[in-house]
PDB file of N, CA and C in Angstrom:
ATOM      1  N   UNK A   1       1.588  14.574  -6.477  1.00  0.00           N
ATOM      2  CA  UNK A   1       0.420  14.042  -5.896  1.00  0.00           C
ATOM      3  C   UNK A   1       1.018  13.214  -4.355  1.00  0.00           C
ATOM      4  N   UNK A   2      -0.536  13.788  -3.348  1.00  0.00           N
ATOM      5  CA  UNK A   2       0.168  13.586  -1.854  1.00  0.00           C
ATOM      6  C   UNK A   2       0.156  12.726  -1.848  1.00  0.00           C
ATOM      7  N   UNK A   3       0.545  12.089  -0.594  1.00  0.00           N
ATOM      8  CA  UNK A   3       0.902  10.841   0.284  1.00  0.00           C
ATOM      9  C   UNK A   3      -0.081  11.004   1.430  1.00  0.00           C
ATOM     10  N   UNK A   4      -0.598   9.809   1.461  1.00  0.00           N
ATOM     11  CA  UNK A   4      -1.416   9.787   3.028  1.00  0.00           C
ATOM     12  C   UNK A   4      -0.398  10.369   4.172  1.00  0.00           C
ATOM     13  N   UNK A   5      -0.874  10.793   5.460  1.00  0.00           N
ATOM     14  CA  UNK A   5      -0.042  10.998   6.719  1.00  0.00           C
ATOM     15  C   UNK A   5       0.431   9.866   6.969  1.00  0.00           C
ATOM     16  N   UNK A   6       1.303   9.900   7.528  1.00  0.00           N
ATOM     17  CA  UNK A   6       1.976   8.290   8.428  1.00  0.00           C
ATOM     18  C   UNK A   6       2.045   8.805   9.731  1.00  0.00           C
ATOM     19  N   UNK A   7       0.946   7.951  10.390  1.00  0.00           N
ATOM     20  CA  UNK A   7       0.387   8.194  11.806  1.00  0.00           C
ATOM     21  C   UNK A   7       1.633   7.451  12.856  1.00  0.00           C
ATOM     22  N   UNK A   8       1.899   6.670  12.326  1.00  0.00           N
ATOM     23  CA  UNK A   8       3.155   5.757  12.874  1.00  0.00           C
ATOM     24  C   UNK A   8       3.742   4.649  11.730  1.00  0.00           C
ATOM     25  N   UNK A   9       4.800   4.128  12.417  1.00  0.00           N
ATOM     26  CA  UNK A   9       5.863   3.331  11.716  1.00  0.00           C
ATOM     27  C   UNK A   9       6.499   2.010  12.753  1.00  0.00           C
ATOM     28  N   UNK A  10       6.396   0.783  12.177  1.00  0.00           N
ATOM     29  CA  UNK A  10       6.921   0.177  12.846  1.00  0.00           C
ATOM     30  C   UNK A  10       7.721  -1.015  12.055  1.00  0.00           C
ATOM     31  N   UNK A  11       9.364  -1.173  12.569  1.00  0.00           N
ATOM     32  CA  UNK A  11      10.193  -1.805  11.867  1.00  0.00           C
ATOM     33  C   UNK A  11      10.708  -2.843  12.506  1.00  0.00           C
ATOM     34  N   UNK A  12      10.354  -4.173  12.187  1.00  0.00           N
ATOM     35  CA  UNK A  12      10.748  -5.577  12.634  1.00  0.00           C
ATOM     36  C   UNK A  12      11.361  -6.332  11.741  1.00  0.00           C
ATOM     37  N   UNK A  13      12.613  -6.759  11.269  1.00  0.00           N
ATOM     38  CA  UNK A  13      13.183  -7.686  10.642  1.00  0.00           C
ATOM     39  C   UNK A  13      12.790  -7.277   9.067  1.00  0.00           C
ATOM     40  N   UNK A  14      11.744  -7.993   8.546  1.00  0.00           N
ATOM     41  CA  UNK A  14      11.795  -7.895   7.063  1.00  0.00           C
ATOM     42  C   UNK A  14      10.177  -7.647   6.940  1.00  0.00           C
ATOM     43  N   UNK A  15      10.127  -6.900   8.209  1.00  0.00           N
ATOM     44  CA  UNK A  15       8.482  -6.341   8.153  1.00  0.00           C
ATOM     45  C   UNK A  15       8.335  -4.683   8.605  1.00  0.00           C
ATOM     46  N   UNK A  16       7.287  -4.506   8.010  1.00  0.00           N
ATOM     47  CA  UNK A  16       7.175  -3.133   8.177  1.00  0.00           C
ATOM     48  C   UNK A  16       5.535  -2.711   7.900  1.00  0.00           C
ATOM     49  N   UNK A  17       5.060  -2.058   9.198  1.00  0.00           N
ATOM     50  CA  UNK A  17       3.826  -1.581   9.437  1.00  0.00           C
ATOM     51  C   UNK A  17       3.450   0.176   9.561  1.00  0.00           C
ATOM     52  N   UNK A  18       2.503  -0.042   8.851  1.00  0.00           N
ATOM     53  CA  UNK A  18       2.286   1.733   8.690  1.00  0.00           C
ATOM     54  C   UNK A  18       0.852   1.703   8.843  1.00  0.00           C
ATOM     55  N   UNK A  19       0.634   2.785   9.876  1.00  0.00           N
ATOM     56  CA  UNK A  19      -0.499   3.368   9.855  1.00  0.00           C
ATOM     57  C   UNK A  19      -0.834   4.617   9.086  1.00  0.00           C
ATOM     58  N   UNK A  20      -1.988   4.467   8.094  1.00  0.00           N
ATOM     59  CA  UNK A  20      -1.742   5.450   7.331  1.00  0.00           C
ATOM     60  C   UNK A  20      -3.535   6.485   7.332  1.00  0.00           C
ATOM     61  N   UNK A  21      -3.059   7.590   7.404  1.00  0.00           N
ATOM     62  CA  UNK A  21      -4.565   8.591   7.974  1.00  0.00           C
ATOM     63  C   UNK A  21      -4.808   8.694   6.582  1.00  0.00           C
ATOM     64  N   UNK A  22      -6.301   8.289   6.493  1.00  0.00           N
ATOM     65  CA  UNK A  22      -6.917   8.239   4.860  1.00  0.00           C
ATOM     66  C   UNK A  22      -7.683   9.366   4.722  1.00  0.00           C
ATOM     67  N   UNK A  23      -7.518  10.801   4.615  1.00  0.00           N
ATOM     68  CA  UNK A  23      -8.392  11.612   4.315  1.00  0.00           C
ATOM     69  C   UNK A  23      -9.176  11.758   3.172  1.00  0.00           C
ATOM     70  N   UNK A  24     -10.171  12.495   2.923  1.00  0.00           N
ATOM     71  CA  UNK A  24     -10.907  12.717   1.906  1.00  0.00           C
ATOM     72  C   UNK A  24     -10.126  14.058   0.848  1.00  0.00           C
ATOM     73  N   UNK A  25      -9.288  15.237   1.689  1.00  0.00           N
ATOM     74  CA  UNK A  25      -8.548  16.188   0.993  1.00  0.00           C
ATOM     75  C   UNK A  25      -7.140  15.469  -0.167  1.00  0.00           C
ATOM     76  N   UNK A  26      -7.208  13.807  -0.033  1.00  0.00           N
ATOM     77  CA  UNK A  26      -5.617  14.011  -1.017  1.00  0.00           C
ATOM     78  C   UNK A  26      -6.568  13.900  -2.606  1.00  0.00           C
ATOM     79  N   UNK A  27      -5.067  14.241  -2.703  1.00  0.00           N
ATOM     80  CA  UNK A  27      -5.917  13.983  -4.256  1.00  0.00           C
ATOM     81  C   UNK A  27      -6.157  13.301  -5.254  1.00  0.00           C
ATOM     82  N   UNK A  28      -6.039  11.959  -5.128  1.00  0.00           N
ATOM     83  CA  UNK A  28      -6.394  10.613  -5.084  1.00  0.00           C
ATOM     84  C   UNK A  28      -7.782  10.216  -5.179  1.00  0.00           C
ATOM     85  N   UNK A  29      -8.238  11.183  -4.513  1.00  0.00           N
ATOM     86  CA  UNK A  29      -9.952  11.056  -4.455  1.00  0.00           C
ATOM     87  C   UNK A  29     -10.623  12.002  -5.586  1.00  0.00           C
ATOM     88  N   UNK A  30     -10.138  12.961  -6.239  1.00  0.00           N
ATOM     89  CA  UNK A  30     -10.284  13.942  -6.642  1.00  0.00           C
ATOM     90  C   UNK A  30     -10.665  12.940  -8.532  1.00  0.00           C
ATOM     91  N   UNK A  31     -12.463  12.810  -8.047  1.00  0.00           N
ATOM     92  CA  UNK A  31     -13.220  12.427  -9.847  1.00  0.00           C
ATOM     93  C   UNK A  31     -13.338  11.009  -9.142  1.00  0.00           C
ATOM     94  N   UNK A  32     -13.025  10.542  -7.953  1.00  0.00           N
ATOM     95  CA  UNK A  32     -13.359   8.684  -8.132  1.00  0.00           C
ATOM     96  C   UNK A  32     -13.602   8.720  -6.167  1.00  0.00           C
ATOM     97  N   UNK A  33     -15.024   8.763  -5.908  1.00  0.00           N
ATOM     98  CA  UNK A  33     -15.974   9.646  -7.050  1.00  0.00           C
ATOM     99  C   UNK A  33     -16.846  10.062  -6.796  1.00  0.00           C
ATOM    100  N   UNK A  34     -17.699  11.601  -7.459  1.00  0.00           N
ATOM    101  CA  UNK A  34     -17.879  12.744  -6.861  1.00  0.00           C
ATOM    102  C   UNK A  34     -18.793  12.436  -5.754  1.00  0.00           C
ATOM    103  N   UNK A  35     -18.585  13.341  -4.446  1.00  0.00           N
ATOM    104  CA  UNK A  35     -20.164  12.752  -3.923  1.00  0.00           C
ATOM    105  C   UNK A  35     -19.836  11.625  -2.499  1.00  0.00           C
ATOM    106  N   UNK A  36     -18.844  10.556  -3.307  1.00  0.00           N
ATOM    107  CA  UNK A  36     -18.698   9.257  -2.486  1.00  0.00           C
ATOM    108  C   UNK A  36     -17.129   9.123  -2.629  1.00  0.00           C
ATOM    109  N   UNK A  37     -16.286   9.041  -1.998  1.00  0.00           N
ATOM    110  CA  UNK A  37     -14.842   9.096  -2.501  1.00  0.00           C
ATOM    111  C   UNK A  37     -14.620   7.646  -1.793  1.00  0.00           C
ATOM    112  N   UNK A  38     -13.462   7.185  -3.480  1.00  0.00           N
ATOM    113  CA  UNK A  38     -13.322   5.718  -2.733  1.00  0.00           C
ATOM    114  C   UNK A  38     -11.973   5.620  -2.942  1.00  0.00           C
ATOM    115  N   UNK A  39     -11.104   5.668  -2.504  1.00  0.00           N
ATOM    116  CA  UNK A  39      -9.775   5.156  -2.889  1.00  0.00           C
ATOM    117  C   UNK A  39      -9.348   4.154  -4.218  1.00  0.00           C
ATOM    118  N   UNK A  40      -9.219   4.817  -5.067  1.00  0.00           N
ATOM    119  CA  UNK A  40      -8.658   3.171  -6.413  1.00  0.00           C
ATOM    120  C   UNK A  40      -7.755   2.499  -5.602  1.00  0.00           C
ATOM    121  N   UNK A  41      -7.615   1.464  -6.249  1.00  0.00           N
ATOM    122  CA  UNK A  41      -6.964  -0.075  -5.995  1.00  0.00           C
ATOM    123  C   UNK A  41      -5.828   0.426  -6.775  1.00  0.00           C
ATOM    124  N   UNK A  42      -5.397   0.875  -7.936  1.00  0.00           N
ATOM    125  CA  UNK A  42      -4.300   1.138  -8.669  1.00  0.00           C
ATOM    126  C   UNK A  42      -3.490   2.303  -7.602  1.00  0.00           C
ATOM    127  N   UNK A  43      -4.398   3.007  -6.924  1.00  0.00           N
ATOM    128  CA  UNK A  43      -3.170   4.493  -5.785  1.00  0.00           C
ATOM    129  C   UNK A  43      -2.701   3.088  -4.458  1.00  0.00           C
ATOM    130  N   UNK A  44      -3.541   2.134  -3.870  1.00  0.00           N
ATOM    131  CA  UNK A  44      -3.008   1.225  -2.921  1.00  0.00           C
ATOM    132  C   UNK A  44      -1.829   0.546  -3.455  1.00  0.00           C
ATOM    133  N   UNK A  45      -2.467  -0.034  -4.147  1.00  0.00           N
ATOM    134  CA  UNK A  45      -0.727  -0.644  -5.274  1.00  0.00           C
ATOM    135  C   UNK A  45       0.381   0.402  -5.728  1.00  0.00           C
ATOM    136  N   UNK A  46       0.171   1.608  -5.759  1.00  0.00           N
ATOM    137  CA  UNK A  46       1.228   2.646  -6.114  1.00  0.00           C
ATOM    138  C   UNK A  46       2.159   2.841  -4.542  1.00  0.00           C
ATOM    139  N   UNK A  47       0.898   3.135  -3.446  1.00  0.00           N
ATOM    140  CA  UNK A  47       1.836   3.463  -2.374  1.00  0.00           C
ATOM    141  C   UNK A  47       2.567   1.961  -1.310  1.00  0.00           C
ATOM    142  N   UNK A  48       2.060   0.928  -1.801  1.00  0.00           N
ATOM    143  CA  UNK A  48       2.874  -0.384  -1.712  1.00  0.00           C
ATOM    144  C   UNK A  48       4.529  -0.834  -2.377  1.00  0.00           C
ATOM    145  N   UNK A  49       3.963  -0.007  -3.931  1.00  0.00           N
ATOM    146  CA  UNK A  49       5.355   0.004  -4.252  1.00  0.00           C
ATOM    147  C   UNK A  49       6.385   0.673  -4.220  1.00  0.00           C
ATOM    148  N   UNK A  50       5.919   1.874  -3.560  1.00  0.00           N
ATOM    149  CA  UNK A  50       6.651   3.236  -2.728  1.00  0.00           C
ATOM    150  C   UNK A  50       6.978   2.857  -2.418  1.00  0.00           C
ATOM    151  N   UNK A  51       6.370   2.199  -0.948  1.00  0.00           N
ATOM    152  CA  UNK A  51       7.126   2.364   0.404  1.00  0.00           C
ATOM    153  C   UNK A  51       7.909   0.757   0.475  1.00  0.00           C
ATOM    154  N   UNK A  52       7.711  -0.289  -0.474  1.00  0.00           N
ATOM    155  CA  UNK A  52       8.508  -1.249  -0.755  1.00  0.00           C
ATOM    156  C   UNK A  52       9.977  -0.553  -1.152  1.00  0.00           C
ATOM    157  N   UNK A  53       9.960  -0.278  -2.213  1.00  0.00           N
ATOM    158  CA  UNK A  53      10.927   0.787  -2.704  1.00  0.00           C
ATOM    159  C   UNK A  53      12.146   1.513  -2.066  1.00  0.00           C
ATOM    160  N   UNK A  54      11.372   2.112  -0.908  1.00  0.00           N
ATOM    161  CA  UNK A  54      11.722   2.747  -0.124  1.00  0.00           C
ATOM    162  C   UNK A  54      12.231   1.886   1.200  1.00  0.00           C
ATOM    163  N   UNK A  55      11.954   1.459   1.655  1.00  0.00           N
ATOM    164  CA  UNK A  55      12.362   0.225   3.115  1.00  0.00           C
ATOM    165  C   UNK A  55      12.911  -0.731   2.581  1.00  0.00           C
ATOM    166  N   UNK A  56      12.841  -1.152   1.321  1.00  0.00           N
ATOM    167  CA  UNK A  56      13.767  -2.965   1.327  1.00  0.00           C
ATOM    168  C   UNK A  56      14.689  -1.792  -0.008  1.00  0.00           C
ATOM    169  N   UNK A  57      14.692  -0.980  -0.080  1.00  0.00           N
ATOM    170  CA  UNK A  57      15.839  -0.762  -1.481  1.00  0.00           C
ATOM    171  C   UNK A  57      15.325  -1.278  -2.718  1.00  0.00           C
ATOM    172  N   UNK A  58      14.362  -1.645  -3.248  1.00  0.00           N
ATOM    173  CA  UNK A  58      14.038  -2.230  -4.843  1.00  0.00           C
ATOM    174  C   UNK A  58      14.529  -1.197  -5.599  1.00  0.00           C
ATOM    175  N   UNK A  59      15.174  -0.825  -6.312  1.00  0.00           N
ATOM    176  CA  UNK A  59      15.402   0.478  -7.177  1.00  0.00           C
ATOM    177  C   UNK A  59      14.688  -0.043  -8.353  1.00  0.00           C
ATOM    178  N   UNK A  60      13.737  -1.051  -9.340  1.00  0.00           N
ATOM    179  CA  UNK A  60      12.964  -0.753 -10.049  1.00  0.00           C
ATOM    180  C   UNK A  60      11.542  -0.888  -9.471  1.00  0.00           C
ATOM    181  N   UNK A  61      10.599  -0.884 -10.651  1.00  0.00           N
ATOM    182  CA  UNK A  61       9.118  -1.147 -10.451  1.00  0.00           C
ATOM    183  C   UNK A  61       8.850  -2.508 -10.613  1.00  0.00           C
ATOM    184  N   UNK A  62       7.855  -3.176  -9.602  1.00  0.00           N
ATOM    185  CA  UNK A  62       7.506  -4.884  -9.872  1.00  0.00           C
ATOM    186  C   UNK A  62       7.372  -4.979 -11.768  1.00  0.00           C
ATOM    187  N   UNK A  63       7.743  -5.925 -11.915  1.00  0.00           N
ATOM    188  CA  UNK A  63       7.442  -6.365 -12.864  1.00  0.00           C
ATOM    189  C   UNK A  63       6.019  -7.757 -12.830  1.00  0.00           C
ATOM    190  N   UNK A  64       6.065  -7.936 -11.918  1.00  0.00           N
ATOM    191  CA  UNK A  64       4.717  -8.949 -12.247  1.00  0.00           C
ATOM    192  C   UNK A  64       3.835  -8.127 -10.649  1.00  0.00           C
ATOM    193  N   UNK A  65       2.470  -8.493 -10.815  1.00  0.00           N
ATOM    194  CA  UNK A  65       1.937  -8.807  -9.211  1.00  0.00           C
ATOM    195  C   UNK A  65       0.604  -9.544  -9.523  1.00  0.00           C
ATOM    196  N   UNK A  66       1.543 -10.580  -8.065  1.00  0.00           N
ATOM    197  CA  UNK A  66       0.441 -11.412  -7.914  1.00  0.00           C
ATOM    198  C   UNK A  66      -0.060 -11.983  -6.816  1.00  0.00           C
ATOM    199  N   UNK A  67      -1.331 -12.200  -6.926  1.00  0.00           N
ATOM    200  CA  UNK A  67      -2.344 -13.003  -5.987  1.00  0.00           C
ATOM    201  C   UNK A  67      -3.222 -11.540  -5.134  1.00  0.00           C
ATOM    202  N   UNK A  68      -3.519 -10.666  -6.363  1.00  0.00           N
ATOM    203  CA  UNK A  68      -3.974  -9.192  -5.684  1.00  0.00           C
ATOM    204  C   UNK A  68      -5.545  -9.364  -6.184  1.00  0.00           C
ATOM    205  N   UNK A  69      -6.068  -8.784  -4.587  1.00  0.00           N
ATOM    206  CA  UNK A  69      -7.312  -8.985  -4.369  1.00  0.00           C
ATOM    207  C   UNK A  69      -7.318  -7.525  -3.835  1.00  0.00           C
ATOM    208  N   UNK A  70      -8.865  -7.411  -4.470  1.00  0.00           N
ATOM    209  CA  UNK A  70      -9.262  -6.269  -3.631  1.00  0.00           C
ATOM    210  C   UNK A  70     -10.733  -6.617  -2.956  1.00  0.00           C
ATOM    211  N   UNK A  71     -10.645  -6.454  -1.120  1.00  0.00           N
ATOM    212  CA  UNK A  71     -11.791  -7.074  -0.709  1.00  0.00           C
ATOM    213  C   UNK A  71     -13.134  -6.175   0.075  1.00  0.00           C
ATOM    214  N   UNK A  72     -12.484  -4.781   0.165  1.00  0.00           N
ATOM    215  CA  UNK A  72     -13.793  -3.899   0.705  1.00  0.00           C
ATOM    216  C   UNK A  72     -12.236  -2.443   0.138  1.00  0.00           C
ATOM    217  N   UNK A  73     -13.909  -1.577   0.061  1.00  0.00           N
ATOM    218  CA  UNK A  73     -13.589  -0.616  -0.573  1.00  0.00           C
ATOM    219  C   UNK A  73     -13.214   0.658   0.557  1.00  0.00           C
ATOM    220  N   UNK A  74     -12.286   1.495   0.550  1.00  0.00           N
ATOM    221  CA  UNK A  74     -11.736   2.425   1.459  1.00  0.00           C
ATOM    222  C   UNK A  74     -12.147   3.829   1.266  1.00  0.00           C
ATOM    223  N   UNK A  75     -12.866   4.245   2.145  1.00  0.00           N
ATOM    224  CA  UNK A  75     -13.627   5.409   1.911  1.00  0.00           C
ATOM    225  C   UNK A  75     -13.176   6.646   2.977  1.00  0.00           C
ATOM    226  N   UNK A  76     -12.967   7.349   3.022  1.00  0.00           N
ATOM    227  CA  UNK A  76     -12.271   8.287   4.247  1.00  0.00           C
ATOM    228  C   UNK A  76     -13.753   9.202   4.748  1.00  0.00           C
ATOM    229  N   UNK A  77     -13.170   9.671   6.030  1.00  0.00           N
ATOM    230  CA  UNK A  77     -11.922   9.550   6.482  1.00  0.00           C
ATOM    231  C   UNK A  77     -11.654   7.860   7.426  1.00  0.00           C
ATOM    232  N   UNK A  78     -10.306   7.459   7.355  1.00  0.00           N
ATOM    233  CA  UNK A  78     -10.154   6.229   7.853  1.00  0.00           C
ATOM    234  C   UNK A  78      -8.695   5.914   7.890  1.00  0.00           C
ATOM    235  N   UNK A  79      -8.390   5.373   9.278  1.00  0.00           N
ATOM    236  CA  UNK A  79      -7.049   5.082   9.573  1.00  0.00           C
ATOM    237  C   UNK A  79      -7.003   3.731   9.218  1.00  0.00           C
ATOM    238  N   UNK A  80      -5.890   3.399   8.702  1.00  0.00           N
ATOM    239  CA  UNK A  80      -5.528   2.419   8.157  1.00  0.00           C
ATOM    240  C   UNK A  80      -4.371   1.801   8.170  1.00  0.00           C
ATOM    241  N   UNK A  81      -4.275   0.117   8.089  1.00  0.00           N
ATOM    242  CA  UNK A  81      -2.412  -0.139   8.253  1.00  0.00           C
ATOM    243  C   UNK A  81      -2.375  -0.838   7.150  1.00  0.00           C
ATOM    244  N   UNK A  82      -1.120  -0.650   6.744  1.00  0.00           N
ATOM    245  CA  UNK A  82      -0.405  -0.990   5.964  1.00  0.00           C
ATOM    246  C   UNK A  82       1.003  -1.780   6.137  1.00  0.00           C
ATOM    247  N   UNK A  83       0.735  -3.306   5.915  1.00  0.00           N
ATOM    248  CA  UNK A  83       1.554  -4.271   6.458  1.00  0.00           C
ATOM    249  C   UNK A  83       2.735  -4.744   5.266  1.00  0.00           C
ATOM    250  N   UNK A  84       4.164  -4.577   5.119  1.00  0.00           N
ATOM    251  CA  UNK A  84       4.959  -4.639   4.049  1.00  0.00           C
ATOM    252  C   UNK A  84       5.742  -5.996   4.716  1.00  0.00           C
ATOM    253  N   UNK A  85       6.040  -7.154   4.062  1.00  0.00           N
ATOM    254  CA  UNK A  85       7.116  -7.804   4.456  1.00  0.00           C
ATOM    255  C   UNK A  85       8.033  -8.377   3.257  1.00  0.00           C
ATOM    256  N   UNK A  86       9.215  -8.293   3.125  1.00  0.00           N
ATOM    257  CA  UNK A  86      10.178  -8.531   2.286  1.00  0.00           C
ATOM    258  C   UNK A  86      10.113 -10.374   2.112  1.00  0.00           C
ATOM    259  N   UNK A  87       9.568 -10.557   1.375  1.00  0.00           N
ATOM    260  CA  UNK A  87       9.460 -12.331   1.642  1.00  0.00           C
ATOM    261  C   UNK A  87      10.725 -13.093   0.557  1.00  0.00           C
ATOM    262  N   UNK A  88      11.811 -11.924  -0.171  1.00  0.00           N
ATOM    263  CA  UNK A  88      13.158 -12.573  -0.645  1.00  0.00           C
ATOM    264  C   UNK A  88      13.606 -11.415  -1.329  1.00  0.00           C
ATOM    265  N   UNK A  89      14.706 -11.867  -1.954  1.00  0.00           N
ATOM    266  CA  UNK A  89      15.924 -10.933  -1.769  1.00  0.00           C
ATOM    267  C   UNK A  89      15.050  -9.549  -3.538  1.00  0.00           C
ATOM    268  N   UNK A  90      13.888 -10.404  -4.055  1.00  0.00           N
ATOM    269  CA  UNK A  90      12.901  -9.176  -4.970  1.00  0.00           C
ATOM    270  C   UNK A  90      11.636  -9.223  -4.967  1.00  0.00           C
ATOM    271  N   UNK A  91      11.252  -9.966  -3.536  1.00  0.00           N
ATOM    272  CA  UNK A  91       9.594  -9.756  -3.311  1.00  0.00           C
ATOM    273  C   UNK A  91       9.288  -9.502  -2.283  1.00  0.00           C
ATOM    274  N   UNK A  92       8.089  -8.931  -2.125  1.00  0.00           N
ATOM    275  CA  UNK A  92       7.754  -8.495  -1.008  1.00  0.00           C
ATOM    276  C   UNK A  92       5.980  -8.119  -1.352  1.00  0.00           C
ATOM    277  N   UNK A  93       5.635  -8.654  -0.209  1.00  0.00           N
ATOM    278  CA  UNK A  93       3.602  -8.866   0.232  1.00  0.00           C
ATOM    279  C   UNK A  93       3.235  -7.701   1.067  1.00  0.00           C
ATOM    280  N   UNK A  94       1.868  -7.421   0.511  1.00  0.00           N
ATOM    281  CA  UNK A  94       1.400  -6.354   1.057  1.00  0.00           C
ATOM    282  C   UNK A  94       0.279  -6.425   1.457  1.00  0.00           C
ATOM    283  N   UNK A  95      -0.244  -5.793   2.559  1.00  0.00           N
ATOM    284  CA  UNK A  95      -2.014  -5.870   2.886  1.00  0.00           C
ATOM    285  C   UNK A  95      -2.175  -4.580   3.696  1.00  0.00           C
ATOM    286  N   UNK A  96      -3.240  -4.228   3.048  1.00  0.00           N
ATOM    287  CA  UNK A  96      -4.368  -3.325   3.832  1.00  0.00           C
ATOM    288  C   UNK A  96      -5.474  -3.659   4.840  1.00  0.00           C
ATOM    289  N   UNK A  97      -5.362  -3.742   5.898  1.00  0.00           N
ATOM    290  CA  UNK A  97      -6.028  -3.870   7.479  1.00  0.00           C
ATOM    291  C   UNK A  97      -6.564  -2.501   8.160  1.00  0.00           C
ATOM    292  N   UNK A  98      -7.690  -3.282   8.544  1.00  0.00           N
ATOM    293  CA  UNK A  98      -7.889  -1.969   9.309  1.00  0.00           C
ATOM    294  C   UNK A  98      -9.655  -2.453  10.145  1.00  0.00           C
ATOM    295  N   UNK A  99     -10.210  -1.857  11.298  1.00  0.00           N
ATOM    296  CA  UNK A  99     -10.576  -1.827  11.875  1.00  0.00           C
ATOM    297  C   UNK A  99     -11.908  -3.385  11.155  1.00  0.00           C
ATOM    298  N   UNK A 100     -10.815  -4.371  11.794  1.00  0.00           N
ATOM    299  CA  UNK A 100     -11.610  -5.752  11.353  1.00  0.00           C
ATOM    300  C   UNK A 100     -11.897  -6.459  10.615  1.00  0.00           C
ATOM    301  N   UNK A 101     -11.170  -5.028   8.865  1.00  0.00           N
ATOM    302  CA  UNK A 101     -11.388  -5.563   7.582  1.00  0.00           C
ATOM    303  C   UNK A 101     -10.000  -6.155   7.088  1.00  0.00           C
ATOM    304  N   UNK A 102      -9.797  -6.716   6.224  1.00  0.00           N
ATOM    305  CA  UNK A 102      -9.256  -6.375   5.218  1.00  0.00           C
ATOM    306  C   UNK A 102      -9.362  -5.657   3.688  1.00  0.00           C
ATOM    307  N   UNK A 103      -8.748  -5.181   3.230  1.00  0.00           N
ATOM    308  CA  UNK A 103      -9.143  -3.724   2.518  1.00  0.00           C
ATOM    309  C   UNK A 103      -8.618  -4.790   1.132  1.00  0.00           C
ATOM    310  N   UNK A 104      -7.037  -4.578   1.351  1.00  0.00           N
ATOM    311  CA  UNK A 104      -6.603  -5.057  -0.290  1.00  0.00           C
ATOM    312  C   UNK A 104      -5.361  -5.906   0.128  1.00  0.00           C
ATOM    313  N   UNK A 105      -4.617  -6.524  -0.975  1.00  0.00           N
ATOM    314  CA  UNK A 105      -3.016  -7.425  -0.256  1.00  0.00           C
ATOM    315  C   UNK A 105      -2.817  -7.993  -2.116  1.00  0.00           C
ATOM    316  N   UNK A 106      -2.083  -7.890  -1.673  1.00  0.00           N
ATOM    317  CA  UNK A 106      -1.155  -8.981  -2.804  1.00  0.00           C
ATOM    318  C   UNK A 106       0.751  -9.390  -2.827  1.00  0.00           C
ATOM    319  N   UNK A 107       1.293  -9.705  -3.810  1.00  0.00           N
ATOM    320  CA  UNK A 107       2.599  -9.818  -3.672  1.00  0.00           C
ATOM    321  C   UNK A 107       3.297  -9.421  -4.701  1.00  0.00           C
ATOM    322  N   UNK A 108       4.384  -8.756  -4.708  1.00  0.00           N
ATOM    323  CA  UNK A 108       4.672  -7.543  -5.999  1.00  0.00           C
ATOM    324  C   UNK A 108       6.312  -8.380  -5.807  1.00  0.00           C
ATOM    325  N   UNK A 109       6.725  -8.886  -7.093  1.00  0.00           N
ATOM    326  CA  UNK A 109       7.961  -9.401  -7.980  1.00  0.00           C
ATOM    327  C   UNK A 109       8.700  -8.358  -8.655  1.00  0.00           C
ATOM    328  N   UNK A 110       9.761  -7.992  -8.137  1.00  0.00           N
ATOM    329  CA  UNK A 110      10.620  -7.254  -8.661  1.00  0.00           C
ATOM    330  C   UNK A 110      11.911  -7.980  -9.619  1.00  0.00           C
ATOM    331  N   UNK A 111      12.517  -7.033 -10.338  1.00  0.00           N
ATOM    332  CA  UNK A 111      13.242  -7.594 -10.918  1.00  0.00           C
ATOM    333  C   UNK A 111      14.411  -7.628 -10.051  1.00  0.00           C
ATOM    334  N   UNK A 112      15.052  -9.118 -10.777  1.00  0.00           N
ATOM    335  CA  UNK A 112      16.391  -9.646 -10.082  1.00  0.00           C
ATOM    336  C   UNK A 112      17.383  -8.313  -9.683  1.00  0.00           C
ATOM    337  N   UNK A 113      17.501  -7.449 -10.461  1.00  0.00           N
ATOM    338  CA  UNK A 113      18.401  -6.601 -10.350  1.00  0.00           C
ATOM    339  C   UNK A 113      17.962  -5.369  -9.055  1.00  0.00           C
ATOM    340  N   UNK A 114      17.215  -5.362  -8.718  1.00  0.00           N
ATOM    341  CA  UNK A 114      16.599  -4.640  -7.566  1.00  0.00           C
ATOM    342  C   UNK A 114      16.957  -5.194  -6.238  1.00  0.00           C
ATOM    343  N   UNK A 115      17.895  -6.201  -6.253  1.00  0.00           N
ATOM    344  CA  UNK A 115      18.140  -6.588  -4.492  1.00  0.00           C
ATOM    345  C   UNK A 115      19.429  -5.468  -4.252  1.00  0.00           C
TER     346      UNK A 115
END
């Protein structure tokens, strides 16, 4: 499955900011929903996990997701910002925002062996 184009990326200490270009041609929209594409919440979680692993060196999948909230639907085309913050040796927070809206947020708890 294809990943959205990363328009920009900013790193600062334990924080990472990604501007993502969400276009309707992403495979993730197939069947969700015909005529009205909506980015599935599980995909938002998947992208946050994948980028947390790549950026913070977590070697496992999270064993727990805490405080997960979906606040607004993501409908393409849309440019959104994904913020990742490493909050501990095996923890990261994520938030999708843009255009004055909060789309989703949560906390990822990876196993201690992912340090």
